[in-house]
Amino acid sequence: MSENREGNRAARERLAQQRERDKARERRRRTLIVSAAVVGVLALAAVAGLIAANAGDDDSGGNGAGPAVAPSGATGKDALTIPVGATDAPSTLTIWEDFRCPVCAQFENAFRDTIAELADSGRIKVEYHLATIIDGNLGGDGSLRAANAAACAQDVGKFPAYHDVLYSNQPAESDDAFGRNSKLIELAGKVEGLDTPGFRSCVESGKHDSWVTKSDTAFRNGGFQGTPTALLNGVSIFPKKGDEQISAANLKKWVAEANKGKKPGTATPAPSGS
């Protein structure tokens, strides 16, 4: 009888061990299923993000009907470029931005001083282009309204200073504070001589709305990945150039390499109207 009891106990233990192994396998199976589901959701989110980056064409241009009125001093194809720096500088830094774009603000706040130094010394000219993709993605019209106000500042030669003020005071991406003309006019008070009746009229009438919409269309048709897009002599440098990550030191180095043997520029852009 003792041997039977020992045999039964051993059988029960083997059965219990088998059950534990079965439970462990089931837990691993469930873990794999959940992990696969998470990966799938993340993949869908990534796809949705890519779709969102290219969505909203109709919404963002809703207030841009009518003929495109370019700001004073705008250059390039269809006068969609706002130039800063010496026109004969040996290198060109092309920047596509959206005033509601948080990464654009990070880019500007990180490299503003370096870009200004390179432009002021005639080593580069900067060509700014404005886009409104956040309006299309999140709704609102803060990208459009801010870009129009920046174009109004360009009319009186105040674009660089006002551009910097907008990025230094950028609201949260989901907050469409720039959609209020009163906010844009308030911020103009931070730029000496900008808050004038002419500037206010330009902002409130949306004088350059259609021009901004045209610029945004050029961005969407340009095959760019998003904002900010930064090109040095046509070569992408953000977030990196080749295998080198962008930094203030690298930006200066890349410009120096591109300008080797060339003289700095001295010719200034034609003055904007007043």
C-alpha atoms as a PDB file:
ATOM      1  CA  MET A   1       0.000   0.000   0.000  1.00  0.00           C
ATOM      2  CA  SER A   2       2.892   2.294   0.863  1.00  0.00           C
ATOM      3  CA  GLU A   3       4.287   1.917  -2.640  1.00  0.00           C
ATOM      4  CA  ASN A   4       0.864   2.746  -4.154  1.00  0.00           C
ATOM      5  CA  ARG A   5       0.598   5.884  -2.003  1.00  0.00           C
ATOM      6  CA  GLU A   6       4.090   6.977  -3.067  1.00  0.00           C
ATOM      7  CA  GLY A   7       3.207   6.291  -6.689  1.00  0.00           C
ATOM      8  CA  ASN A   8      -0.009   8.305  -6.455  1.00  0.00           C
ATOM      9  CA  ARG A   9       1.836  11.214  -4.780  1.00  0.00           C
ATOM     10  CA  ALA A  10       4.474  11.216  -7.508  1.00  0.00           C
ATOM     11  CA  ALA A  11       1.773  11.148 -10.187  1.00  0.00           C
ATOM     12  CA  ARG A  12      -0.014  14.083  -8.564  1.00  0.00           C
ATOM     13  CA  GLU A  13       3.244  16.040  -8.376  1.00  0.00           C
ATOM     14  CA  ARG A  14       3.969  15.331 -12.041  1.00  0.00           C
ATOM     15  CA  LEU A  15       0.443  16.446 -12.944  1.00  0.00           C
ATOM     16  CA  ALA A  16       0.839  19.637 -10.890  1.00  0.00           C
ATOM     17  CA  GLN A  17       4.181  20.363 -12.547  1.00  0.00           C
ATOM     18  CA  GLN A  18       2.649  19.811 -15.975  1.00  0.00           C
ATOM     19  CA  ARG A  19      -0.175  22.194 -15.123  1.00  0.00           C
ATOM     20  CA  GLU A  20       2.344  24.844 -14.031  1.00  0.00           C
ATOM     21  CA  ARG A  21       4.242  24.380 -17.307  1.00  0.00           C
ATOM     22  CA  ASP A  22       0.971  24.725 -19.228  1.00  0.00           C
ATOM     23  CA  LYS A  23       0.135  27.912 -17.307  1.00  0.00           C
ATOM     24  CA  ALA A  24       3.604  29.339 -18.007  1.00  0.00           C
ATOM     25  CA  ARG A  25       3.208  28.594 -21.710  1.00  0.00           C
ATOM     26  CA  GLU A  26      -0.202  30.289 -21.699  1.00  0.00           C
ATOM     27  CA  ARG A  27       1.269  33.361 -19.967  1.00  0.00           C
ATOM     28  CA  ARG A  28       4.061  33.560 -22.577  1.00  0.00           C
ATOM     29  CA  ARG A  29       1.492  33.162 -25.350  1.00  0.00           C
ATOM     30  CA  ARG A  30      -0.617  35.996 -23.942  1.00  0.00           C
ATOM     31  CA  THR A  31       2.460  38.175 -23.534  1.00  0.00           C
ATOM     32  CA  LEU A  32       3.402  37.629 -27.154  1.00  0.00           C
ATOM     33  CA  ILE A  33      -0.151  38.452 -28.272  1.00  0.00           C
ATOM     34  CA  VAL A  34      -0.212  41.683 -26.222  1.00  0.00           C
ATOM     35  CA  SER A  35       3.264  42.662 -27.413  1.00  0.00           C
ATOM     36  CA  ALA A  36       2.250  42.141 -31.005  1.00  0.00           C
ATOM     37  CA  ALA A  37      -0.865  44.229 -30.429  1.00  0.00           C
ATOM     38  CA  VAL A  38       1.202  47.080 -28.927  1.00  0.00           C
ATOM     39  CA  VAL A  39       3.621  47.000 -31.837  1.00  0.00           C
ATOM     40  CA  GLY A  40       0.654  47.090 -34.204  1.00  0.00           C
ATOM     41  CA  VAL A  41      -0.855  50.076 -32.425  1.00  0.00           C
ATOM     42  CA  LEU A  42       2.464  51.919 -32.499  1.00  0.00           C
ATOM     43  CA  ALA A  43       2.841  51.141 -36.178  1.00  0.00           C
ATOM     44  CA  LEU A  44      -0.651  52.459 -36.837  1.00  0.00           C
ATOM     45  CA  ALA A  45       0.133  55.566 -34.789  1.00  0.00           C
ATOM     46  CA  ALA A  46       3.279  56.117 -36.842  1.00  0.00           C
ATOM     47  CA  VAL A  47       1.302  55.769 -40.057  1.00  0.00           C
ATOM     48  CA  ALA A  48      -1.341  58.125 -38.680  1.00  0.00           C
ATOM     49  CA  GLY A  49       1.409  60.606 -37.847  1.00  0.00           C
ATOM     50  CA  LEU A  50       2.744  60.438 -41.379  1.00  0.00           C
ATOM     51  CA  ILE A  51      -0.760  60.915 -42.753  1.00  0.00           C
ATOM     52  CA  ALA A  52      -1.321  63.856 -40.402  1.00  0.00           C
ATOM     53  CA  ALA A  53       1.889  65.487 -41.570  1.00  0.00           C
ATOM     54  CA  ASN A  54       0.436  65.608 -45.060  1.00  0.00           C
ATOM     55  CA  ALA A  55      -3.185  66.283 -44.164  1.00  0.00           C
ATOM     56  CA  GLY A  56      -5.228  69.411 -43.812  1.00  0.00           C
ATOM     57  CA  ASP A  57      -4.469  71.108 -47.118  1.00  0.00           C
ATOM     58  CA  ASP A  58      -8.014  72.431 -47.412  1.00  0.00           C
ATOM     59  CA  ASP A  59      -8.461  73.456 -43.775  1.00  0.00           C
ATOM     60  CA  SER A  60      -5.195  75.391 -43.448  1.00  0.00           C
ATOM     61  CA  GLY A  61      -5.917  77.571 -46.457  1.00  0.00           C
ATOM     62  CA  GLY A  62      -9.497  78.450 -45.620  1.00  0.00           C
ATOM     63  CA  ASN A  63      -8.744  82.125 -45.038  1.00  0.00           C
ATOM     64  CA  GLY A  64      -6.335  82.438 -47.954  1.00  0.00           C
ATOM     65  CA  ALA A  65      -8.746  83.252 -50.771  1.00  0.00           C
ATOM     66  CA  GLY A  66      -7.965  86.088 -53.153  1.00  0.00           C
ATOM     67  CA  PRO A  67      -4.835  87.241 -54.962  1.00  0.00           C
ATOM     68  CA  ALA A  68      -1.486  86.535 -53.291  1.00  0.00           C
ATOM     69  CA  VAL A  69       0.106  89.762 -52.064  1.00  0.00           C
ATOM     70  CA  ALA A  70       3.781  89.156 -51.348  1.00  0.00           C
ATOM     71  CA  PRO A  71       5.434  91.124 -48.549  1.00  0.00           C
ATOM     72  CA  SER A  72       7.915  93.841 -49.454  1.00  0.00           C
ATOM     73  CA  GLY A  73      11.343  92.514 -50.338  1.00  0.00           C
ATOM     74  CA  ALA A  74      10.195  88.927 -50.926  1.00  0.00           C
ATOM     75  CA  THR A  75      12.289  87.127 -53.546  1.00  0.00           C
ATOM     76  CA  GLY A  76      12.586  83.847 -55.393  1.00  0.00           C
ATOM     77  CA  LYS A  77      10.044  81.869 -57.388  1.00  0.00           C
ATOM     78  CA  ASP A  78       6.599  83.413 -56.932  1.00  0.00           C
ATOM     79  CA  ALA A  79       8.195  85.787 -54.365  1.00  0.00           C
ATOM     80  CA  LEU A  80       7.785  83.146 -51.626  1.00  0.00           C
ATOM     81  CA  THR A  81      11.157  83.760 -49.966  1.00  0.00           C
ATOM     82  CA  ILE A  82      11.853  86.208 -47.145  1.00  0.00           C
ATOM     83  CA  PRO A  83      15.599  86.912 -47.341  1.00  0.00           C
ATOM     84  CA  VAL A  84      17.820  87.847 -44.397  1.00  0.00           C
ATOM     85  CA  GLY A  85      21.522  88.680 -44.715  1.00  0.00           C
ATOM     86  CA  ALA A  86      23.850  89.660 -47.521  1.00  0.00           C
ATOM     87  CA  THR A  87      22.432  88.774 -50.924  1.00  0.00           C
ATOM     88  CA  ASP A  88      25.919  87.877 -52.182  1.00  0.00           C
ATOM     89  CA  ALA A  89      26.840  85.632 -49.248  1.00  0.00           C
ATOM     90  CA  PRO A  90      28.683  82.524 -50.465  1.00  0.00           C
ATOM     91  CA  SER A  91      26.260  80.071 -48.791  1.00  0.00           C
ATOM     92  CA  THR A  92      22.493  79.907 -48.464  1.00  0.00           C
ATOM     93  CA  LEU A  93      20.597  78.516 -45.499  1.00  0.00           C
ATOM     94  CA  THR A  94      17.008  77.704 -46.520  1.00  0.00           C
ATOM     95  CA  ILE A  95      14.525  77.246 -43.683  1.00  0.00           C
ATOM     96  CA  TRP A  96      10.898  76.079 -43.900  1.00  0.00           C
ATOM     97  CA  GLU A  97       8.991  76.749 -40.687  1.00  0.00           C
ATOM     98  CA  ASP A  98       5.546  76.845 -39.092  1.00  0.00           C
ATOM     99  CA  PHE A  99       5.083  79.325 -36.234  1.00  0.00           C
ATOM    100  CA  ARG A 100       2.945  76.785 -34.308  1.00  0.00           C
ATOM    101  CA  CYS A 101       5.499  73.984 -34.745  1.00  0.00           C
ATOM    102  CA  PRO A 102       7.197  73.182 -31.388  1.00  0.00           C
ATOM    103  CA  VAL A 103      10.250  71.588 -33.022  1.00  0.00           C
ATOM    104  CA  CYS A 104      10.674  74.765 -35.079  1.00  0.00           C
ATOM    105  CA  ALA A 105      10.775  76.736 -31.825  1.00  0.00           C
ATOM    106  CA  GLN A 106      13.362  74.326 -30.421  1.00  0.00           C
ATOM    107  CA  PHE A 107      15.435  74.718 -33.591  1.00  0.00           C
ATOM    108  CA  GLU A 108      15.204  78.512 -33.490  1.00  0.00           C
ATOM    109  CA  ASN A 109      15.904  78.823 -29.788  1.00  0.00           C
ATOM    110  CA  ALA A 110      18.912  76.514 -30.105  1.00  0.00           C
ATOM    111  CA  PHE A 111      20.473  78.002 -33.254  1.00  0.00           C
ATOM    112  CA  ARG A 112      19.128  81.581 -33.416  1.00  0.00           C
ATOM    113  CA  ASP A 113      22.352  83.199 -32.218  1.00  0.00           C
ATOM    114  CA  THR A 114      24.557  81.036 -34.452  1.00  0.00           C
ATOM    115  CA  ILE A 115      22.459  81.742 -37.533  1.00  0.00           C
ATOM    116  CA  ALA A 116      22.423  85.473 -36.755  1.00  0.00           C
ATOM    117  CA  GLU A 117      26.210  85.476 -36.319  1.00  0.00           C
ATOM    118  CA  LEU A 118      26.756  83.689 -39.634  1.00  0.00           C
ATOM    119  CA  ALA A 119      24.333  85.998 -41.441  1.00  0.00           C
ATOM    120  CA  ASP A 120      25.644  89.215 -39.863  1.00  0.00           C
ATOM    121  CA  SER A 121      29.192  88.304 -40.847  1.00  0.00           C
ATOM    122  CA  GLY A 122      28.196  87.712 -44.472  1.00  0.00           C
ATOM    123  CA  ARG A 123      28.962  84.006 -44.399  1.00  0.00           C
ATOM    124  CA  ILE A 124      25.375  82.955 -45.165  1.00  0.00           C
ATOM    125  CA  LYS A 125      22.149  84.425 -46.369  1.00  0.00           C
ATOM    126  CA  VAL A 126      19.006  82.955 -44.866  1.00  0.00           C
ATOM    127  CA  GLU A 127      15.907  82.296 -46.948  1.00  0.00           C
ATOM    128  CA  TYR A 128      12.796  81.830 -44.848  1.00  0.00           C
ATOM    129  CA  HIS A 129       9.696  80.036 -46.147  1.00  0.00           C
ATOM    130  CA  LEU A 130       6.480  79.765 -44.153  1.00  0.00           C
ATOM    131  CA  ALA A 131       4.148  76.766 -43.830  1.00  0.00           C
ATOM    132  CA  THR A 132       0.882  76.103 -41.991  1.00  0.00           C
ATOM    133  CA  ILE A 133       0.818  72.347 -41.439  1.00  0.00           C
ATOM    134  CA  ILE A 134      -0.171  72.528 -37.751  1.00  0.00           C
ATOM    135  CA  ASP A 135      -3.416  74.316 -38.657  1.00  0.00           C
ATOM    136  CA  GLY A 136      -4.282  71.418 -40.940  1.00  0.00           C
ATOM    137  CA  ASN A 137      -3.307  68.791 -38.377  1.00  0.00           C
ATOM    138  CA  LEU A 138      -4.815  70.233 -35.208  1.00  0.00           C
ATOM    139  CA  GLY A 139      -7.343  72.770 -36.459  1.00  0.00           C
ATOM    140  CA  GLY A 140      -7.376  76.503 -35.909  1.00  0.00           C
ATOM    141  CA  ASP A 141      -5.559  79.113 -37.952  1.00  0.00           C
ATOM    142  CA  GLY A 142      -2.687  80.244 -35.720  1.00  0.00           C
ATOM    143  CA  SER A 143      -0.042  79.159 -38.229  1.00  0.00           C
ATOM    144  CA  LEU A 144      -1.719  81.215 -40.955  1.00  0.00           C
ATOM    145  CA  ARG A 145      -2.409  84.233 -38.757  1.00  0.00           C
ATOM    146  CA  ALA A 146       1.165  84.297 -37.371  1.00  0.00           C
ATOM    147  CA  ALA A 147       2.696  83.898 -40.824  1.00  0.00           C
ATOM    148  CA  ASN A 148       0.559  86.739 -42.150  1.00  0.00           C
ATOM    149  CA  ALA A 149       1.661  88.921 -39.210  1.00  0.00           C
ATOM    150  CA  ALA A 150       5.308  88.019 -39.877  1.00  0.00           C
ATOM    151  CA  ALA A 151       4.824  89.028 -43.517  1.00  0.00           C
ATOM    152  CA  CYS A 152       3.334  92.314 -42.284  1.00  0.00           C
ATOM    153  CA  ALA A 153       6.479  92.795 -40.188  1.00  0.00           C
ATOM    154  CA  GLN A 154       8.562  92.124 -43.319  1.00  0.00           C
ATOM    155  CA  ASP A 155       6.709  94.979 -45.029  1.00  0.00           C
ATOM    156  CA  VAL A 156       8.362  97.397 -42.616  1.00  0.00           C
ATOM    157  CA  GLY A 157      11.731  95.684 -42.309  1.00  0.00           C
ATOM    158  CA  LYS A 158      11.003  94.053 -38.926  1.00  0.00           C
ATOM    159  CA  PHE A 159      10.703  90.396 -39.928  1.00  0.00           C
ATOM    160  CA  PRO A 160      13.826  89.004 -38.161  1.00  0.00           C
ATOM    161  CA  ALA A 161      12.994  90.591 -34.816  1.00  0.00           C
ATOM    162  CA  TYR A 162       9.297  89.702 -34.932  1.00  0.00           C
ATOM    163  CA  HIS A 163      10.084  86.176 -36.156  1.00  0.00           C
ATOM    164  CA  ASP A 164      12.261  85.698 -33.059  1.00  0.00           C
ATOM    165  CA  VAL A 165       9.593  87.150 -30.757  1.00  0.00           C
ATOM    166  CA  LEU A 166       6.979  84.732 -32.093  1.00  0.00           C
ATOM    167  CA  TYR A 167       9.180  81.715 -31.457  1.00  0.00           C
ATOM    168  CA  SER A 168      10.266  82.973 -28.036  1.00  0.00           C
ATOM    169  CA  ASN A 169       6.592  83.341 -27.071  1.00  0.00           C
ATOM    170  CA  GLN A 170       5.160  80.300 -28.850  1.00  0.00           C
ATOM    171  CA  PRO A 171       2.117  78.796 -27.093  1.00  0.00           C
ATOM    172  CA  ALA A 172       1.650  75.062 -26.639  1.00  0.00           C
ATOM    173  CA  GLU A 173       1.086  73.279 -29.953  1.00  0.00           C
ATOM    174  CA  SER A 174      -2.547  72.535 -29.085  1.00  0.00           C
ATOM    175  CA  ASP A 175      -3.204  76.143 -27.994  1.00  0.00           C
ATOM    176  CA  ASP A 176      -4.244  78.237 -30.986  1.00  0.00           C
ATOM    177  CA  ALA A 177      -3.353  81.528 -29.281  1.00  0.00           C
ATOM    178  CA  PHE A 178      -1.685  82.789 -32.469  1.00  0.00           C
ATOM    179  CA  GLY A 179      -5.097  82.509 -34.094  1.00  0.00           C
ATOM    180  CA  ARG A 180      -6.036  85.721 -32.277  1.00  0.00           C
ATOM    181  CA  ASN A 181      -4.864  88.872 -34.061  1.00  0.00           C
ATOM    182  CA  SER A 182      -4.929  90.680 -30.716  1.00  0.00           C
ATOM    183  CA  LYS A 183      -2.219  88.309 -29.420  1.00  0.00           C
ATOM    184  CA  LEU A 184      -0.045  88.892 -32.494  1.00  0.00           C
ATOM    185  CA  ILE A 185      -0.445  92.658 -32.155  1.00  0.00           C
ATOM    186  CA  GLU A 186       0.382  92.423 -28.445  1.00  0.00           C
ATOM    187  CA  LEU A 187       3.628  90.602 -29.273  1.00  0.00           C
ATOM    188  CA  ALA A 188       4.473  93.269 -31.860  1.00  0.00           C
ATOM    189  CA  GLY A 189       4.892  95.606 -28.891  1.00  0.00           C
ATOM    190  CA  LYS A 190       8.097  93.712 -28.096  1.00  0.00           C
ATOM    191  CA  VAL A 191       9.660  94.904 -31.393  1.00  0.00           C
ATOM    192  CA  GLU A 192      10.558  98.571 -31.386  1.00  0.00           C
ATOM    193  CA  GLY A 193       8.545 100.564 -33.904  1.00  0.00           C
ATOM    194  CA  LEU A 194       6.434  97.649 -35.180  1.00  0.00           C
ATOM    195  CA  ASP A 195       3.085  98.225 -33.453  1.00  0.00           C
ATOM    196  CA  THR A 196       1.735 100.917 -35.765  1.00  0.00           C
ATOM    197  CA  PRO A 197      -1.693 101.526 -37.313  1.00  0.00           C
ATOM    198  CA  GLY A 198      -0.345 100.214 -40.632  1.00  0.00           C
ATOM    199  CA  PHE A 199       0.883  96.978 -39.061  1.00  0.00           C
ATOM    200  CA  ARG A 200      -2.389  96.492 -37.201  1.00  0.00           C
ATOM    201  CA  SER A 201      -4.393  97.014 -40.372  1.00  0.00           C
ATOM    202  CA  CYS A 202      -2.206  94.536 -42.247  1.00  0.00           C
ATOM    203  CA  VAL A 203      -2.659  91.908 -39.535  1.00  0.00           C
ATOM    204  CA  GLU A 204      -6.382  92.375 -39.065  1.00  0.00           C
ATOM    205  CA  SER A 205      -7.172  92.419 -42.784  1.00  0.00           C
ATOM    206  CA  GLY A 206      -5.143  89.274 -43.500  1.00  0.00           C
ATOM    207  CA  LYS A 207      -3.317  91.153 -46.246  1.00  0.00           C
ATOM    208  CA  HIS A 208      -0.858  88.332 -46.927  1.00  0.00           C
ATOM    209  CA  ASP A 209      -3.098  85.333 -46.191  1.00  0.00           C
ATOM    210  CA  SER A 210      -3.203  84.153 -49.810  1.00  0.00           C
ATOM    211  CA  TRP A 211       0.562  84.538 -50.086  1.00  0.00           C
ATOM    212  CA  VAL A 212       0.992  82.370 -46.966  1.00  0.00           C
ATOM    213  CA  THR A 213      -1.358  79.753 -48.424  1.00  0.00           C
ATOM    214  CA  LYS A 214       0.659  79.760 -51.641  1.00  0.00           C
ATOM    215  CA  SER A 215       3.849  79.280 -49.649  1.00  0.00           C
ATOM    216  CA  ASP A 216       2.312  76.378 -47.746  1.00  0.00           C
ATOM    217  CA  THR A 217       1.280  74.772 -51.042  1.00  0.00           C
ATOM    218  CA  ALA A 218       4.873  75.062 -52.267  1.00  0.00           C
ATOM    219  CA  PHE A 219       6.018  73.341 -49.070  1.00  0.00           C
ATOM    220  CA  ARG A 220       3.560  70.473 -49.505  1.00  0.00           C
ATOM    221  CA  ASN A 221       4.546  70.045 -53.134  1.00  0.00           C
ATOM    222  CA  GLY A 222       8.253  70.200 -52.348  1.00  0.00           C
ATOM    223  CA  GLY A 223       8.618  66.670 -51.015  1.00  0.00           C
ATOM    224  CA  PHE A 224       9.810  67.844 -47.578  1.00  0.00           C
ATOM    225  CA  GLN A 225       9.403  65.573 -44.549  1.00  0.00           C
ATOM    226  CA  GLY A 226       8.158  68.197 -42.095  1.00  0.00           C
ATOM    227  CA  THR A 227       9.002  71.404 -40.288  1.00  0.00           C
ATOM    228  CA  PRO A 228      11.537  72.607 -39.634  1.00  0.00           C
ATOM    229  CA  THR A 229      13.351  71.800 -42.852  1.00  0.00           C
ATOM    230  CA  ALA A 230      16.837  73.321 -42.984  1.00  0.00           C
ATOM    231  CA  LEU A 231      19.015  73.116 -46.106  1.00  0.00           C
ATOM    232  CA  LEU A 232      22.554  74.418 -46.449  1.00  0.00           C
ATOM    233  CA  ASN A 233      23.178  75.052 -50.136  1.00  0.00           C
ATOM    234  CA  GLY A 234      20.382  72.593 -50.909  1.00  0.00           C
ATOM    235  CA  VAL A 235      21.634  69.822 -48.590  1.00  0.00           C
ATOM    236  CA  SER A 236      19.550  68.838 -45.569  1.00  0.00           C
ATOM    237  CA  ILE A 237      21.264  69.577 -42.247  1.00  0.00           C
ATOM    238  CA  PHE A 238      18.446  68.969 -39.760  1.00  0.00           C
ATOM    239  CA  PRO A 239      18.511  66.874 -37.692  1.00  0.00           C
ATOM    240  CA  LYS A 240      21.865  65.904 -39.189  1.00  0.00           C
ATOM    241  CA  LYS A 241      24.094  66.254 -42.215  1.00  0.00           C
ATOM    242  CA  GLY A 242      25.376  62.888 -43.316  1.00  0.00           C
ATOM    243  CA  ASP A 243      26.442  61.136 -40.123  1.00  0.00           C
ATOM    244  CA  GLU A 244      27.016  64.347 -38.155  1.00  0.00           C
ATOM    245  CA  GLN A 245      24.312  65.631 -35.807  1.00  0.00           C
ATOM    246  CA  ILE A 246      23.505  69.314 -36.066  1.00  0.00           C
ATOM    247  CA  SER A 247      25.013  71.544 -33.376  1.00  0.00           C
ATOM    248  CA  ALA A 248      26.140  75.161 -33.255  1.00  0.00           C
ATOM    249  CA  ALA A 249      29.746  74.065 -33.723  1.00  0.00           C
ATOM    250  CA  ASN A 250      28.908  71.745 -36.616  1.00  0.00           C
ATOM    251  CA  LEU A 251      26.791  74.384 -38.335  1.00  0.00           C
ATOM    252  CA  LYS A 252      29.724  76.791 -38.252  1.00  0.00           C
ATOM    253  CA  LYS A 253      32.034  74.029 -39.473  1.00  0.00           C
ATOM    254  CA  TRP A 254      29.749  73.084 -42.366  1.00  0.00           C
ATOM    255  CA  VAL A 255      29.493  76.716 -43.445  1.00  0.00           C
ATOM    256  CA  ALA A 256      33.273  77.151 -43.207  1.00  0.00           C
ATOM    257  CA  GLU A 257      33.816  74.057 -45.359  1.00  0.00           C
ATOM    258  CA  ALA A 258      31.297  75.268 -47.938  1.00  0.00           C
ATOM    259  CA  ASN A 259      32.819  78.763 -48.002  1.00  0.00           C
ATOM    260  CA  LYS A 260      36.468  77.754 -48.224  1.00  0.00           C
ATOM    261  CA  GLY A 261      38.293  80.215 -50.477  1.00  0.00           C
ATOM    262  CA  LYS A 262      35.240  82.477 -50.844  1.00  0.00           C
ATOM    263  CA  LYS A 263      34.767  86.005 -49.574  1.00  0.00           C
ATOM    264  CA  PRO A 264      31.951  86.957 -47.219  1.00  0.00           C
ATOM    265  CA  GLY A 265      29.012  88.780 -48.720  1.00  0.00           C
ATOM    266  CA  THR A 266      28.462  92.492 -48.206  1.00  0.00           C
ATOM    267  CA  ALA A 267      25.419  93.380 -50.327  1.00  0.00           C
ATOM    268  CA  THR A 268      22.282  93.876 -48.260  1.00  0.00           C
ATOM    269  CA  PRO A 269      18.746  93.039 -49.449  1.00  0.00           C
ATOM    270  CA  ALA A 270      16.658  95.828 -50.888  1.00  0.00           C
ATOM    271  CA  PRO A 271      14.989  97.691 -48.010  1.00  0.00           C
ATOM    272  CA  SER A 272      11.391  96.785 -47.235  1.00  0.00           C
ATOM    273  CA  GLY A 273       8.698  99.388 -47.632  1.00  0.00           C
ATOM    274  CA  SER A 274       7.614 101.453 -44.689  1.00  0.00           C
END
